[in-house]
Structures are given as C-alpha cells and as structure tokens.
Amino acid sequence: MTFIETVPPERATGAVADVYESDRAIHGHVPNFAQAFSLQPEAYAAWRELNGAIKAGMDLRRYELATLAAARRLRSSYCMLAHGAVLADRFLTPDAVRAIAGDPASAGLDPLDVAVMELAAKVADDATAVTQDDVDRLRELGLPDDEILGVVLAAAARCFFSKTLDALGIQPDAEYASLSPELRKALVTGRPIDDPH
C-alpha cells in the first residue's frame, strides 16, 4: 500500500525502468522503496549516491549498527528489517540482532558499539541534544573524528529515507516475511510487512 500513485514495474520506462532494473539485479525484485521514488527517479539516484558515499567511508558493521539504531528510534520497520537482516546474515546471530533491537545497551555489545548506537539514536531523535560529551566518549573509545562523522551521517541519512517511506505509507517488502518469526517481531516497529495478496 502507498498513499500516492507509483509506477508499477510493468509500466516503467526510461529512468524509472533503469532504476527498477538496477534494484532488481541487486535485490532479486523491485523493492517497494524503489517504487516510492518512481515519480522522482533523480531524487532516488541522488539518495543512492549519497548513501553509497556514506557507507563507503565507514566500517560496514558500524554502518549497519548506526543505521539500525536510527531506524529503531524512528520506528521504521522497513529499515529495521533491511539492516537487521544484513546484521543477522553477515555480522551477528539472529538472537543477537533481536537483543539489539530490544535494547542495545543490554545486548552484550562492546562499549564502542553501544556508544555508536546511542549517538545514532540521539541524532535521529533530537540532534540538538548531542553534546561534546557524546563525541568525546567515542573518541575515548578509540573512534577517530572521521568515523564519528560517519555515524552522524548514517543516522541523518536514515532520517531522510525512513521518514520518506513512512510518510508515503510504503510497507516493507513481503520477502521479509521469510525471516524467523522471532526476528520479524523484534524488527517490525512501525508499519507492517507488505501482504501482496
């Protein structure tokens, strides 16, 4: 379901068809989030470039943790599912991801990971509440300033993407229903998974 009319894959032409084909090659299907931008494919292309640059400048695990923290604070099921699935597939066990989704501070992460997630959540919630102490804490834990900037960029970018999808009523792809019921329950914090029937 979406609140606006989008271009279905079978009717896509030009730049929209190119975007759909690119995402189909990556994901194996045209994701609902790609269709959300089908009326402004240039904005979607700019988002992909920005997010790709942010991601390229960070450790991927740290990027995923920061993004999950921001998505959690924003109650974005789509982004929780997408990034929780990456963490469960590449970096952590599904049980660890469930624990992080519930409460990162008590999920057994190391202090640096917790501090990264806390900063990302703070940026998503109220960036004016971030203080020098938040930054100094990360420095004391060994994170250099360029990587601290990466955490802030990842969280701020997530605000744009998550809020765009949720404001348009975009539901997470039906494919996420294949995750274990326990992991799905932990990651669906806002809009429900799309039911294609």
Protein backbone atom coordinates (compact mmCIF):
# COMPACT_ATOMS: atom_id res chain seq x y z
CA MET A 1 0.00 0.00 0.00
CA THR A 2 1.13 3.55 -0.74
CA PHE A 3 -0.58 6.88 -0.20
CA ILE A 4 0.45 8.10 -3.66
CA GLU A 5 0.28 6.51 -7.10
CA THR A 6 3.63 4.97 -8.07
CA VAL A 7 4.87 3.46 -11.31
CA PRO A 8 4.42 -0.32 -11.28
CA PRO A 9 7.37 -2.29 -12.67
CA GLU A 10 5.43 -3.48 -15.72
CA ARG A 11 4.73 0.16 -16.76
CA ALA A 12 8.17 1.60 -16.06
CA THR A 13 10.05 3.36 -18.86
CA GLY A 14 13.17 5.49 -19.15
CA ALA A 15 14.96 6.45 -15.93
CA VAL A 16 12.39 4.62 -13.78
CA ALA A 17 12.88 1.39 -15.74
CA ASP A 18 16.64 1.79 -15.33
CA VAL A 19 16.29 2.22 -11.56
CA TYR A 20 13.99 -0.78 -11.31
CA GLU A 21 16.33 -2.95 -13.35
CA SER A 22 19.31 -1.92 -11.23
CA ASP A 23 17.48 -2.71 -8.00
CA ARG A 24 16.13 -5.97 -9.41
CA ALA A 25 19.73 -7.01 -10.13
CA ILE A 26 20.71 -6.21 -6.53
CA HIS A 27 17.67 -7.48 -4.64
CA GLY A 28 16.15 -10.05 -6.98
CA HIS A 29 12.94 -7.99 -7.19
CA VAL A 30 11.87 -4.36 -7.40
CA PRO A 31 11.69 -3.23 -3.77
CA ASN A 32 8.77 -1.18 -2.54
CA PHE A 33 11.20 1.58 -1.57
CA ALA A 34 12.34 1.97 -5.19
CA GLN A 35 8.74 2.31 -6.32
CA ALA A 36 8.23 5.01 -3.68
CA PHE A 37 10.64 7.24 -5.62
CA SER A 38 9.31 6.35 -9.07
CA LEU A 39 7.80 9.81 -9.61
CA GLN A 40 11.20 11.42 -8.91
CA PRO A 41 13.90 8.97 -10.01
CA GLU A 42 16.53 11.73 -9.90
CA ALA A 43 15.96 12.12 -6.14
CA TYR A 44 16.35 8.36 -5.71
CA ALA A 45 19.57 8.39 -7.75
CA ALA A 46 20.89 11.21 -5.55
CA TRP A 47 19.93 9.26 -2.41
CA ARG A 48 21.74 6.15 -3.66
CA GLU A 49 24.85 8.19 -4.40
CA LEU A 50 24.80 9.93 -1.01
CA ASN A 51 24.14 6.75 0.94
CA GLY A 52 26.79 4.88 -1.03
CA ALA A 53 29.37 7.56 -0.21
CA ILE A 54 28.49 7.45 3.49
CA LYS A 55 28.67 3.66 3.55
CA ALA A 56 31.97 3.59 1.65
CA GLY A 57 33.56 5.79 4.31
CA MET A 58 32.63 3.50 7.20
CA ASP A 59 33.24 0.05 8.53
CA LEU A 60 30.18 -1.83 7.20
CA ARG A 61 29.28 -3.40 10.55
CA ARG A 62 29.42 0.01 12.24
CA TYR A 63 27.30 1.50 9.44
CA GLU A 64 24.67 -1.21 9.94
CA LEU A 65 24.62 -0.73 13.74
CA ALA A 66 24.29 3.06 13.43
CA THR A 67 21.59 2.70 10.81
CA LEU A 68 19.69 0.16 12.89
CA ALA A 69 19.86 2.48 15.91
CA ALA A 70 18.47 5.40 13.91
CA ALA A 71 15.76 3.22 12.35
CA ARG A 72 14.82 1.90 15.79
CA ARG A 73 14.38 5.43 17.13
CA LEU A 74 12.35 6.37 14.02
CA ARG A 75 10.17 3.24 14.36
CA SER A 76 10.94 2.36 10.75
CA SER A 77 10.03 -1.27 10.19
CA TYR A 78 11.38 -1.20 6.64
CA CYS A 79 14.84 -0.01 7.67
CA MET A 80 14.88 -2.16 10.82
CA LEU A 81 14.13 -5.24 8.71
CA ALA A 82 16.60 -4.38 5.96
CA HIS A 83 19.53 -3.57 8.21
CA GLY A 84 18.67 -6.11 10.89
CA ALA A 85 18.69 -8.78 8.16
CA VAL A 86 22.15 -7.65 6.99
CA LEU A 87 23.48 -7.76 10.56
CA ALA A 88 21.97 -11.23 11.13
CA ASP A 89 23.32 -12.50 7.82
CA ARG A 90 26.84 -11.06 7.91
CA PHE A 91 27.90 -9.98 11.38
CA LEU A 92 25.79 -11.29 14.27
CA THR A 93 23.44 -14.10 15.15
CA PRO A 94 19.69 -13.56 14.76
CA ASP A 95 19.38 -13.78 18.56
CA ALA A 96 21.96 -11.01 18.97
CA VAL A 97 20.09 -8.82 16.48
CA ARG A 98 16.84 -9.42 18.37
CA ALA A 99 18.54 -8.38 21.60
CA ILE A 100 19.95 -5.23 19.98
CA ALA A 101 16.55 -4.35 18.54
CA GLY A 102 15.12 -4.60 22.06
CA ASP A 103 17.82 -2.70 23.97
CA PRO A 104 21.29 -2.11 22.51
CA ALA A 105 22.75 -1.17 25.91
CA SER A 106 21.97 -4.58 27.42
CA ALA A 107 22.55 -6.72 24.32
CA GLY A 108 26.15 -7.71 25.08
CA LEU A 109 27.76 -5.33 22.59
CA ASP A 110 31.14 -3.82 23.36
CA PRO A 111 31.18 -0.24 24.75
CA LEU A 112 32.15 1.30 21.40
CA ASP A 113 29.22 -0.35 19.59
CA VAL A 114 26.83 0.82 22.32
CA ALA A 115 28.20 4.38 22.13
CA VAL A 116 27.87 4.39 18.33
CA MET A 117 24.26 3.23 18.55
CA GLU A 118 23.48 5.76 21.28
CA LEU A 119 24.87 8.63 19.21
CA ALA A 120 22.98 7.49 16.10
CA ALA A 121 19.74 7.22 18.09
CA LYS A 122 20.28 10.67 19.57
CA VAL A 123 20.84 12.17 16.11
CA ALA A 124 17.61 10.57 14.86
CA ASP A 125 15.65 11.63 17.93
CA ASP A 126 16.92 15.16 18.57
CA ALA A 127 20.23 16.19 17.04
CA THR A 128 20.28 19.33 19.18
CA ALA A 129 20.65 17.07 22.22
CA VAL A 130 24.05 15.80 21.01
CA THR A 131 26.82 17.24 23.19
CA GLN A 132 30.59 17.42 23.22
CA ASP A 133 30.48 14.65 25.82
CA ASP A 134 28.83 12.29 23.30
CA VAL A 135 31.65 12.91 20.83
CA ASP A 136 34.37 12.75 23.49
CA ARG A 137 33.03 9.40 24.69
CA LEU A 138 33.51 7.94 21.20
CA ARG A 139 36.99 9.45 20.96
CA GLU A 140 37.92 7.93 24.31
CA LEU A 141 36.77 4.56 22.99
CA GLY A 142 39.13 4.95 20.04
CA LEU A 143 36.88 6.24 17.27
CA PRO A 144 38.54 8.99 15.20
CA ASP A 145 36.61 12.08 14.16
CA ASP A 146 36.09 10.99 10.54
CA GLU A 147 34.35 7.84 11.78
CA ILE A 148 32.30 9.83 14.29
CA LEU A 149 31.18 11.97 11.36
CA GLY A 150 30.26 8.75 9.54
CA VAL A 151 27.96 7.71 12.39
CA VAL A 152 26.24 11.10 12.31
CA LEU A 153 25.91 10.98 8.52
CA ALA A 154 24.48 7.45 8.58
CA ALA A 155 21.87 8.44 11.18
CA ALA A 156 20.96 11.70 9.46
CA ALA A 157 20.63 9.98 6.09
CA ARG A 158 18.40 7.33 7.67
CA CYS A 159 16.07 10.09 8.86
CA PHE A 160 15.55 11.20 5.26
CA PHE A 161 14.97 7.73 3.90
CA SER A 162 12.87 6.26 6.72
CA LYS A 163 10.67 9.32 7.04
CA THR A 164 10.11 9.43 3.27
CA LEU A 165 8.97 5.81 3.18
CA ASP A 166 6.78 6.03 6.26
CA ALA A 167 5.20 9.34 5.21
CA LEU A 168 4.18 7.72 1.91
CA GLY A 169 2.79 4.57 3.56
CA ILE A 170 5.45 2.33 2.00
CA GLN A 171 5.44 -1.10 3.65
CA PRO A 172 8.46 -3.41 3.96
CA ASP A 173 8.74 -5.94 1.14
CA ALA A 174 6.82 -9.19 1.51
CA GLU A 175 10.15 -11.05 1.25
CA TYR A 176 10.91 -10.07 4.86
CA ALA A 177 8.13 -12.42 5.96
CA SER A 178 10.66 -15.23 5.39
CA LEU A 179 12.71 -14.11 8.41
CA SER A 180 12.16 -16.13 11.57
CA PRO A 181 9.01 -15.09 13.45
CA GLU A 182 11.09 -14.02 16.47
CA LEU A 183 13.38 -11.80 14.42
CA ARG A 184 10.46 -10.33 12.47
CA LYS A 185 8.65 -9.47 15.69
CA ALA A 186 11.71 -7.67 17.05
CA LEU A 187 12.30 -5.69 13.86
CA VAL A 188 8.75 -4.65 12.93
CA THR A 189 8.47 -1.47 14.98
CA GLY A 190 6.14 0.58 12.78
CA ARG A 191 4.38 -0.26 9.53
CA PRO A 192 3.65 -3.98 8.96
CA ILE A 193 5.27 -6.11 6.27
CA ASP A 194 3.54 -5.87 2.89
CA ASP A 195 0.97 -8.56 2.14
CA PRO A 196 0.93 -8.94 -1.66
CA HIS A 197 -2.45 -10.73 -1.63
